[in-house]
């Protein structure tokens, strides 16, 4: 009985050591870019609405050559949401967990709620050269009087 306990304890210890060695030698998780926008941007006619978003890397590998872009996916003519990029884009390598914000300024012309914007971020994963891309949720502009 004593021999079987010693053998079981030794086997368990060897199993833990093997699992640790495998985890230590495992490749890091891939880069995982993300980009988010507010669901709704509310403004009034004549104002300059600000679209502020966030993009970054939630993965385990550095993301190089990061770039983002935004486009109007639907317009009712009530607002020009992407007239000017107010912030300077941060494009340096994004280490795991790093993020940045961006800000566009627009002009609201008339009452409406049919203009929508969507953004994309992409970058090259360090070590593999794989391009990783993420697409944001859609932001809807609501223009009041």
N, C-alpha and C. Protein backbone atom coordinates (compact mmCIF):
# COMPACT_ATOMS: atom_id res chain seq x y z
N UNK A 1 0.82 -1.18 0.00
CA UNK A 1 0.00 0.00 0.00
C UNK A 1 0.87 1.26 0.00
N UNK A 2 1.90 1.24 0.84
CA UNK A 2 2.80 2.38 0.93
C UNK A 2 3.50 2.61 -0.41
N UNK A 3 3.89 1.54 -1.09
CA UNK A 3 4.55 1.65 -2.38
C UNK A 3 3.63 2.30 -3.42
N UNK A 4 2.35 1.97 -3.41
CA UNK A 4 1.43 2.53 -4.39
C UNK A 4 1.20 4.02 -4.14
N UNK A 5 1.21 4.47 -2.87
CA UNK A 5 1.06 5.90 -2.58
C UNK A 5 2.27 6.67 -3.06
N UNK A 6 3.45 6.13 -2.85
CA UNK A 6 4.68 6.78 -3.30
C UNK A 6 4.69 6.86 -4.82
N UNK A 7 4.31 5.80 -5.47
CA UNK A 7 4.28 5.78 -6.93
C UNK A 7 3.26 6.78 -7.46
N UNK A 8 2.10 6.86 -6.83
CA UNK A 8 1.07 7.81 -7.25
C UNK A 8 1.53 9.25 -7.05
N UNK A 9 2.18 9.52 -5.92
CA UNK A 9 2.69 10.86 -5.65
C UNK A 9 3.77 11.23 -6.65
N UNK A 10 4.66 10.32 -6.96
CA UNK A 10 5.73 10.58 -7.94
C UNK A 10 5.13 10.81 -9.32
N UNK A 11 4.14 10.03 -9.70
CA UNK A 11 3.50 10.20 -11.01
C UNK A 11 2.81 11.55 -11.10
N UNK A 12 2.15 11.96 -10.03
CA UNK A 12 1.47 13.26 -10.02
C UNK A 12 2.49 14.40 -10.13
N UNK A 13 3.59 14.28 -9.42
CA UNK A 13 4.63 15.31 -9.49
C UNK A 13 5.23 15.40 -10.89
N UNK A 14 5.48 14.28 -11.52
CA UNK A 14 6.00 14.28 -12.89
C UNK A 14 4.98 14.89 -13.86
N UNK A 15 3.71 14.61 -13.64
CA UNK A 15 2.66 15.18 -14.48
C UNK A 15 2.60 16.69 -14.37
N UNK A 16 2.73 17.22 -13.15
CA UNK A 16 2.74 18.67 -12.94
C UNK A 16 3.96 19.30 -13.59
N UNK A 17 5.11 18.66 -13.49
CA UNK A 17 6.33 19.18 -14.09
C UNK A 17 6.19 19.21 -15.61
N UNK A 18 5.62 18.18 -16.19
CA UNK A 18 5.43 18.13 -17.64
C UNK A 18 4.45 19.21 -18.08
N UNK A 19 3.39 19.42 -17.33
CA UNK A 19 2.41 20.45 -17.67
C UNK A 19 3.05 21.83 -17.59
N UNK A 20 3.90 22.07 -16.59
CA UNK A 20 4.57 23.36 -16.44
C UNK A 20 5.53 23.60 -17.59
N UNK A 21 6.25 22.57 -17.99
CA UNK A 21 7.19 22.71 -19.09
C UNK A 21 6.46 23.01 -20.39
N UNK A 22 5.31 22.37 -20.60
CA UNK A 22 4.53 22.62 -21.80
C UNK A 22 3.99 24.04 -21.80
N UNK A 23 3.46 24.51 -20.66
CA UNK A 23 2.92 25.86 -20.58
C UNK A 23 4.02 26.90 -20.77
N UNK A 24 5.19 26.65 -20.19
CA UNK A 24 6.29 27.61 -20.30
C UNK A 24 6.80 27.68 -21.73
N UNK A 25 6.76 26.58 -22.47
CA UNK A 25 7.26 26.56 -23.84
C UNK A 25 6.20 26.88 -24.87
N UNK A 26 4.95 27.09 -24.46
CA UNK A 26 3.86 27.35 -25.39
C UNK A 26 4.01 28.74 -26.01
N UNK A 27 3.56 28.86 -27.23
CA UNK A 27 3.60 30.15 -27.92
C UNK A 27 2.60 31.09 -27.26
N UNK A 28 2.90 32.39 -27.24
CA UNK A 28 1.95 33.34 -26.67
C UNK A 28 0.68 33.41 -27.53
N UNK A 29 -0.38 33.88 -26.92
CA UNK A 29 -1.64 34.04 -27.66
C UNK A 29 -1.42 35.03 -28.80
N UNK A 30 -2.13 34.86 -29.89
CA UNK A 30 -1.97 35.79 -31.02
C UNK A 30 -2.42 37.20 -30.67
N UNK A 31 -1.99 38.17 -31.46
CA UNK A 31 -2.45 39.54 -31.29
C UNK A 31 -3.95 39.57 -31.56
N UNK A 32 -4.66 40.42 -30.85
CA UNK A 32 -6.11 40.51 -31.00
C UNK A 32 -6.53 41.98 -31.00
N UNK A 33 -6.53 42.63 -32.16
CA UNK A 33 -6.93 44.03 -32.20
C UNK A 33 -8.43 44.18 -31.91
N UNK A 34 -8.79 45.34 -31.40
CA UNK A 34 -10.21 45.66 -31.19
C UNK A 34 -10.41 47.14 -31.43
N UNK A 35 -11.66 47.52 -31.72
CA UNK A 35 -12.01 48.92 -31.90
C UNK A 35 -13.47 49.10 -31.49
N UNK A 36 -13.74 50.12 -30.69
CA UNK A 36 -15.09 50.34 -30.19
C UNK A 36 -15.52 51.79 -30.40
N UNK A 37 -16.82 51.96 -30.61
CA UNK A 37 -17.43 53.27 -30.78
C UNK A 37 -18.63 53.37 -29.83
N UNK A 38 -19.08 54.60 -29.54
CA UNK A 38 -20.33 54.72 -28.79
C UNK A 38 -21.48 54.25 -29.69
N UNK A 39 -22.53 53.74 -29.11
CA UNK A 39 -23.68 53.28 -29.89
C UNK A 39 -24.41 54.44 -30.55
N UNK A 40 -24.55 55.54 -29.81
CA UNK A 40 -25.27 56.71 -30.31
C UNK A 40 -24.48 57.97 -29.97
N UNK A 41 -24.42 58.90 -30.92
CA UNK A 41 -23.85 60.22 -30.69
C UNK A 41 -25.00 61.20 -30.88
N UNK A 42 -25.36 61.92 -29.82
CA UNK A 42 -26.47 62.86 -29.87
C UNK A 42 -25.92 64.28 -29.99
N UNK A 43 -26.49 65.06 -30.90
CA UNK A 43 -26.05 66.43 -31.11
C UNK A 43 -27.24 67.27 -31.55
N UNK A 44 -27.03 68.56 -31.74
CA UNK A 44 -28.06 69.48 -32.21
C UNK A 44 -27.63 70.11 -33.53
N UNK A 45 -28.61 70.57 -34.30
CA UNK A 45 -28.33 71.24 -35.57
C UNK A 45 -27.36 72.39 -35.32
N UNK A 46 -26.34 72.50 -36.15
CA UNK A 46 -25.35 73.58 -36.05
C UNK A 46 -24.17 73.25 -35.16
N UNK A 47 -24.25 72.19 -34.40
CA UNK A 47 -23.12 71.81 -33.53
C UNK A 47 -22.12 70.94 -34.28
N UNK A 48 -20.99 70.72 -33.62
CA UNK A 48 -19.91 69.91 -34.18
C UNK A 48 -19.74 68.65 -33.32
N UNK A 49 -20.46 67.59 -33.65
CA UNK A 49 -20.38 66.37 -32.83
C UNK A 49 -18.99 65.74 -32.89
N UNK A 50 -18.60 65.15 -31.77
CA UNK A 50 -17.31 64.49 -31.65
C UNK A 50 -17.52 62.98 -31.57
N UNK A 51 -16.92 62.25 -32.46
CA UNK A 51 -16.95 60.79 -32.41
C UNK A 51 -15.64 60.33 -31.80
N UNK A 52 -15.71 59.76 -30.59
CA UNK A 52 -14.51 59.31 -29.90
C UNK A 52 -14.56 57.79 -29.81
N UNK A 53 -13.51 57.14 -30.27
CA UNK A 53 -13.43 55.69 -30.23
C UNK A 53 -12.14 55.23 -29.58
N UNK A 54 -12.07 53.95 -29.34
CA UNK A 54 -10.86 53.36 -28.74
C UNK A 54 -10.46 52.14 -29.55
N UNK A 55 -9.16 51.98 -29.74
CA UNK A 55 -8.64 50.79 -30.41
C UNK A 55 -7.42 50.30 -29.67
N UNK A 56 -7.11 49.01 -29.81
CA UNK A 56 -5.98 48.47 -29.08
C UNK A 56 -5.75 47.01 -29.38
N UNK A 57 -4.97 46.37 -28.50
CA UNK A 57 -4.55 44.98 -28.68
C UNK A 57 -4.86 44.20 -27.40
N UNK A 58 -5.82 43.30 -27.46
CA UNK A 58 -6.18 42.46 -26.32
C UNK A 58 -5.49 41.11 -26.35
N UNK A 59 -4.63 40.89 -27.32
CA UNK A 59 -3.97 39.60 -27.47
C UNK A 59 -2.71 39.48 -26.65
N UNK A 60 -1.94 38.43 -26.96
CA UNK A 60 -0.72 38.15 -26.20
C UNK A 60 0.55 38.43 -26.97
N UNK A 61 0.44 38.96 -28.18
CA UNK A 61 1.59 39.23 -29.04
C UNK A 61 1.51 40.68 -29.52
N UNK A 62 2.64 41.32 -29.70
CA UNK A 62 2.69 42.71 -30.17
C UNK A 62 2.09 42.84 -31.56
N UNK A 63 1.44 43.96 -31.79
CA UNK A 63 0.81 44.27 -33.08
C UNK A 63 1.55 45.46 -33.67
N UNK A 64 2.18 45.28 -34.82
CA UNK A 64 2.95 46.33 -35.49
C UNK A 64 2.16 46.97 -36.63
N UNK A 65 2.61 48.14 -37.07
CA UNK A 65 2.03 48.83 -38.22
C UNK A 65 0.52 48.98 -38.06
N UNK A 66 0.10 49.44 -36.90
CA UNK A 66 -1.33 49.58 -36.60
C UNK A 66 -1.91 50.77 -37.36
N UNK A 67 -3.08 50.57 -37.94
CA UNK A 67 -3.76 51.63 -38.65
C UNK A 67 -5.26 51.46 -38.46
N UNK A 68 -5.97 52.57 -38.45
CA UNK A 68 -7.43 52.50 -38.33
C UNK A 68 -8.05 53.43 -39.36
N UNK A 69 -9.29 53.14 -39.70
CA UNK A 69 -10.04 53.99 -40.61
C UNK A 69 -11.51 53.92 -40.24
N UNK A 70 -12.24 54.96 -40.59
CA UNK A 70 -13.67 55.00 -40.33
C UNK A 70 -14.37 55.43 -41.61
N UNK A 71 -15.60 54.94 -41.76
CA UNK A 71 -16.37 55.30 -42.96
C UNK A 71 -17.84 55.43 -42.59
N UNK A 72 -18.54 56.23 -43.38
CA UNK A 72 -19.98 56.36 -43.24
C UNK A 72 -20.60 55.17 -43.97
N UNK A 73 -21.36 54.35 -43.24
CA UNK A 73 -21.98 53.18 -43.85
C UNK A 73 -23.42 53.47 -44.29
N UNK A 74 -24.00 54.53 -43.74
CA UNK A 74 -25.34 54.96 -44.12
C UNK A 74 -25.48 56.43 -43.79
N UNK A 75 -26.08 57.21 -44.70
CA UNK A 75 -26.22 58.64 -44.44
C UNK A 75 -27.61 59.12 -44.82
N UNK A 76 -28.19 59.96 -43.95
CA UNK A 76 -29.45 60.62 -44.27
C UNK A 76 -29.22 62.11 -44.53
N UNK A 77 -27.95 62.53 -44.58
CA UNK A 77 -27.61 63.92 -44.86
C UNK A 77 -27.74 64.86 -43.68
N UNK A 78 -28.07 64.33 -42.51
CA UNK A 78 -28.25 65.20 -41.34
C UNK A 78 -26.93 65.66 -40.72
N UNK A 79 -25.86 64.91 -40.97
CA UNK A 79 -24.58 65.21 -40.35
C UNK A 79 -23.45 64.70 -41.24
N UNK A 80 -22.35 65.45 -41.23
CA UNK A 80 -21.11 64.96 -41.85
C UNK A 80 -20.21 64.60 -40.68
N UNK A 81 -20.17 63.32 -40.28
CA UNK A 81 -19.53 62.95 -39.01
C UNK A 81 -18.01 62.85 -39.04
N UNK A 82 -17.41 62.75 -40.21
CA UNK A 82 -15.96 62.48 -40.27
C UNK A 82 -15.21 63.60 -41.00
N UNK A 83 -15.57 64.85 -40.73
CA UNK A 83 -14.93 65.96 -41.44
C UNK A 83 -13.46 66.11 -41.11
N UNK A 84 -13.10 65.88 -39.85
CA UNK A 84 -11.72 66.16 -39.45
C UNK A 84 -11.29 65.22 -38.33
N UNK A 85 -10.13 64.59 -38.50
CA UNK A 85 -9.54 63.79 -37.43
C UNK A 85 -8.86 64.76 -36.48
N UNK A 86 -9.38 64.88 -35.28
CA UNK A 86 -8.89 65.85 -34.30
C UNK A 86 -7.64 65.34 -33.59
N UNK A 87 -7.60 64.06 -33.30
CA UNK A 87 -6.48 63.48 -32.57
C UNK A 87 -5.40 62.98 -33.54
N UNK A 88 -4.20 62.82 -33.02
CA UNK A 88 -3.12 62.23 -33.81
C UNK A 88 -3.18 60.71 -33.65
N UNK A 89 -3.20 59.98 -34.75
CA UNK A 89 -3.27 58.52 -34.63
C UNK A 89 -2.00 57.95 -33.99
N UNK A 90 -2.19 57.01 -33.08
CA UNK A 90 -1.08 56.31 -32.45
C UNK A 90 -0.86 55.03 -33.24
N UNK A 91 0.26 54.93 -33.91
CA UNK A 91 0.51 53.78 -34.78
C UNK A 91 1.75 52.99 -34.39
N UNK A 92 2.41 53.38 -33.31
CA UNK A 92 3.58 52.64 -32.84
C UNK A 92 3.14 51.22 -32.48
N UNK A 93 4.08 50.30 -32.31
CA UNK A 93 3.69 48.93 -31.93
C UNK A 93 2.81 48.93 -30.68
N UNK A 94 1.73 48.15 -30.74
CA UNK A 94 0.84 47.98 -29.61
C UNK A 94 1.23 46.70 -28.90
N UNK A 95 1.77 46.83 -27.70
CA UNK A 95 2.10 45.65 -26.91
C UNK A 95 0.79 45.06 -26.38
N UNK A 96 0.80 43.82 -25.92
CA UNK A 96 -0.43 43.25 -25.38
C UNK A 96 -1.04 44.13 -24.28
N UNK A 97 -2.32 44.42 -24.41
CA UNK A 97 -3.03 45.23 -23.42
C UNK A 97 -3.02 46.73 -23.69
N UNK A 98 -2.28 47.18 -24.67
CA UNK A 98 -2.18 48.62 -24.93
C UNK A 98 -3.35 49.09 -25.79
N UNK A 99 -3.77 50.36 -25.57
CA UNK A 99 -4.84 50.93 -26.38
C UNK A 99 -4.60 52.41 -26.58
N UNK A 100 -5.40 53.00 -27.47
CA UNK A 100 -5.33 54.43 -27.76
C UNK A 100 -6.74 54.90 -28.13
N UNK A 101 -6.94 56.20 -28.07
CA UNK A 101 -8.22 56.79 -28.45
C UNK A 101 -8.05 57.62 -29.72
N UNK A 102 -9.15 57.82 -30.44
CA UNK A 102 -9.15 58.71 -31.58
C UNK A 102 -10.42 59.56 -31.52
N UNK A 103 -10.39 60.70 -32.22
CA UNK A 103 -11.52 61.61 -32.19
C UNK A 103 -11.71 62.27 -33.54
N UNK A 104 -12.92 62.14 -34.09
CA UNK A 104 -13.31 62.83 -35.31
C UNK A 104 -14.31 63.93 -34.94
N UNK A 105 -14.26 65.03 -35.70
CA UNK A 105 -15.22 66.12 -35.54
C UNK A 105 -16.04 66.22 -36.80
N UNK A 106 -17.32 66.51 -36.64
CA UNK A 106 -18.21 66.66 -37.79
C UNK A 106 -19.06 67.90 -37.64
N UNK A 107 -20.05 68.03 -38.52
CA UNK A 107 -21.01 69.13 -38.46
C UNK A 107 -22.41 68.58 -38.66
N UNK A 108 -23.34 69.02 -37.79
CA UNK A 108 -24.74 68.61 -37.89
C UNK A 108 -25.50 69.67 -38.69
N UNK A 109 -26.21 69.25 -39.74
CA UNK A 109 -26.87 70.19 -40.64
C UNK A 109 -28.38 70.28 -40.40
N UNK A 110 -29.02 69.14 -40.15
CA UNK A 110 -30.48 69.13 -40.00
C UNK A 110 -30.89 67.96 -39.10
N UNK A 111 -32.13 67.97 -38.65
CA UNK A 111 -32.65 66.92 -37.79
C UNK A 111 -32.65 65.59 -38.55
N UNK A 112 -32.23 64.53 -37.87
CA UNK A 112 -32.22 63.20 -38.47
C UNK A 112 -31.52 62.20 -37.57
N UNK A 113 -31.69 60.94 -37.89
CA UNK A 113 -31.01 59.90 -37.10
C UNK A 113 -30.65 58.70 -37.97
N UNK A 114 -30.31 58.97 -39.22
CA UNK A 114 -30.01 57.88 -40.13
C UNK A 114 -28.57 57.79 -40.58
N UNK A 115 -27.68 58.57 -39.98
CA UNK A 115 -26.27 58.49 -40.37
C UNK A 115 -25.54 57.55 -39.43
N UNK A 116 -24.81 56.61 -40.01
CA UNK A 116 -24.09 55.62 -39.22
C UNK A 116 -22.65 55.51 -39.68
N UNK A 117 -21.77 55.25 -38.70
CA UNK A 117 -20.33 55.16 -38.95
C UNK A 117 -19.82 53.83 -38.40
N UNK A 118 -18.86 53.24 -39.10
CA UNK A 118 -18.19 52.03 -38.63
C UNK A 118 -16.70 52.19 -38.89
N UNK A 119 -15.88 51.63 -38.00
CA UNK A 119 -14.43 51.76 -38.10
C UNK A 119 -13.75 50.39 -38.13
N UNK A 120 -12.53 50.38 -38.64
CA UNK A 120 -11.73 49.17 -38.75
C UNK A 120 -10.33 49.46 -38.24
N UNK A 121 -9.72 48.49 -37.57
CA UNK A 121 -8.33 48.59 -37.16
C UNK A 121 -7.61 47.33 -37.63
N UNK A 122 -6.37 47.49 -38.05
CA UNK A 122 -5.58 46.32 -38.44
C UNK A 122 -4.12 46.57 -38.13
N UNK A 123 -3.38 45.49 -38.06
CA UNK A 123 -1.96 45.55 -37.80
C UNK A 123 -1.31 44.22 -38.12
N UNK A 124 -0.01 44.22 -38.12
CA UNK A 124 0.76 43.01 -38.43
C UNK A 124 1.28 42.40 -37.14
N UNK A 125 0.97 41.13 -36.94
CA UNK A 125 1.40 40.44 -35.73
C UNK A 125 2.90 40.22 -35.76
N UNK A 126 3.56 40.60 -34.65
CA UNK A 126 5.00 40.41 -34.53
C UNK A 126 5.33 38.91 -34.54
N UNK A 127 6.37 38.55 -35.23
CA UNK A 127 6.83 37.16 -35.24
C UNK A 127 6.24 36.33 -36.36
N UNK A 128 4.94 36.53 -36.66
CA UNK A 128 4.31 35.71 -37.70
C UNK A 128 4.08 36.47 -38.99
N UNK A 129 3.95 37.81 -38.90
CA UNK A 129 3.67 38.61 -40.08
C UNK A 129 2.22 38.54 -40.52
N UNK A 130 1.37 37.89 -39.74
CA UNK A 130 -0.05 37.76 -40.07
C UNK A 130 -0.75 39.10 -39.81
N UNK A 131 -1.58 39.52 -40.77
CA UNK A 131 -2.38 40.73 -40.59
C UNK A 131 -3.62 40.38 -39.79
N UNK A 132 -3.82 41.09 -38.70
CA UNK A 132 -4.99 40.90 -37.84
C UNK A 132 -5.88 42.14 -37.98
N UNK A 133 -7.19 41.94 -38.11
CA UNK A 133 -8.13 43.03 -38.34
C UNK A 133 -9.35 42.88 -37.44
N UNK A 134 -9.90 44.01 -37.02
CA UNK A 134 -11.15 44.01 -36.25
C UNK A 134 -12.04 45.14 -36.77
N UNK A 135 -13.34 44.92 -36.70
CA UNK A 135 -14.32 45.90 -37.15
C UNK A 135 -15.15 46.32 -35.94
N UNK A 136 -15.44 47.60 -35.84
CA UNK A 136 -16.20 48.14 -34.70
C UNK A 136 -17.69 47.87 -34.82
N UNK A 137 -18.37 48.18 -33.73
CA UNK A 137 -19.82 48.28 -33.76
C UNK A 137 -20.18 49.52 -34.60
N UNK A 138 -21.45 49.70 -34.88
CA UNK A 138 -21.90 50.86 -35.65
C UNK A 138 -22.36 51.95 -34.70
N UNK A 139 -21.90 53.18 -34.96
CA UNK A 139 -22.33 54.36 -34.19
C UNK A 139 -23.38 55.10 -35.02
N UNK A 140 -24.51 55.42 -34.40
CA UNK A 140 -25.58 56.15 -35.07
C UNK A 140 -25.61 57.58 -34.55
N UNK A 141 -25.70 58.54 -35.46
CA UNK A 141 -25.77 59.96 -35.09
C UNK A 141 -27.23 60.38 -35.04
N UNK A 142 -27.62 60.99 -33.91
CA UNK A 142 -28.97 61.51 -33.73
C UNK A 142 -28.86 63.02 -33.64
N UNK A 143 -29.42 63.70 -34.60
CA UNK A 143 -29.36 65.17 -34.63
C UNK A 143 -30.72 65.73 -34.25
N UNK A 144 -30.75 66.52 -33.18
CA UNK A 144 -31.97 67.17 -32.70
C UNK A 144 -31.96 68.65 -33.09
N UNK A 145 -33.07 69.33 -32.81
CA UNK A 145 -33.16 70.77 -33.14
C UNK A 145 -32.17 71.60 -32.38
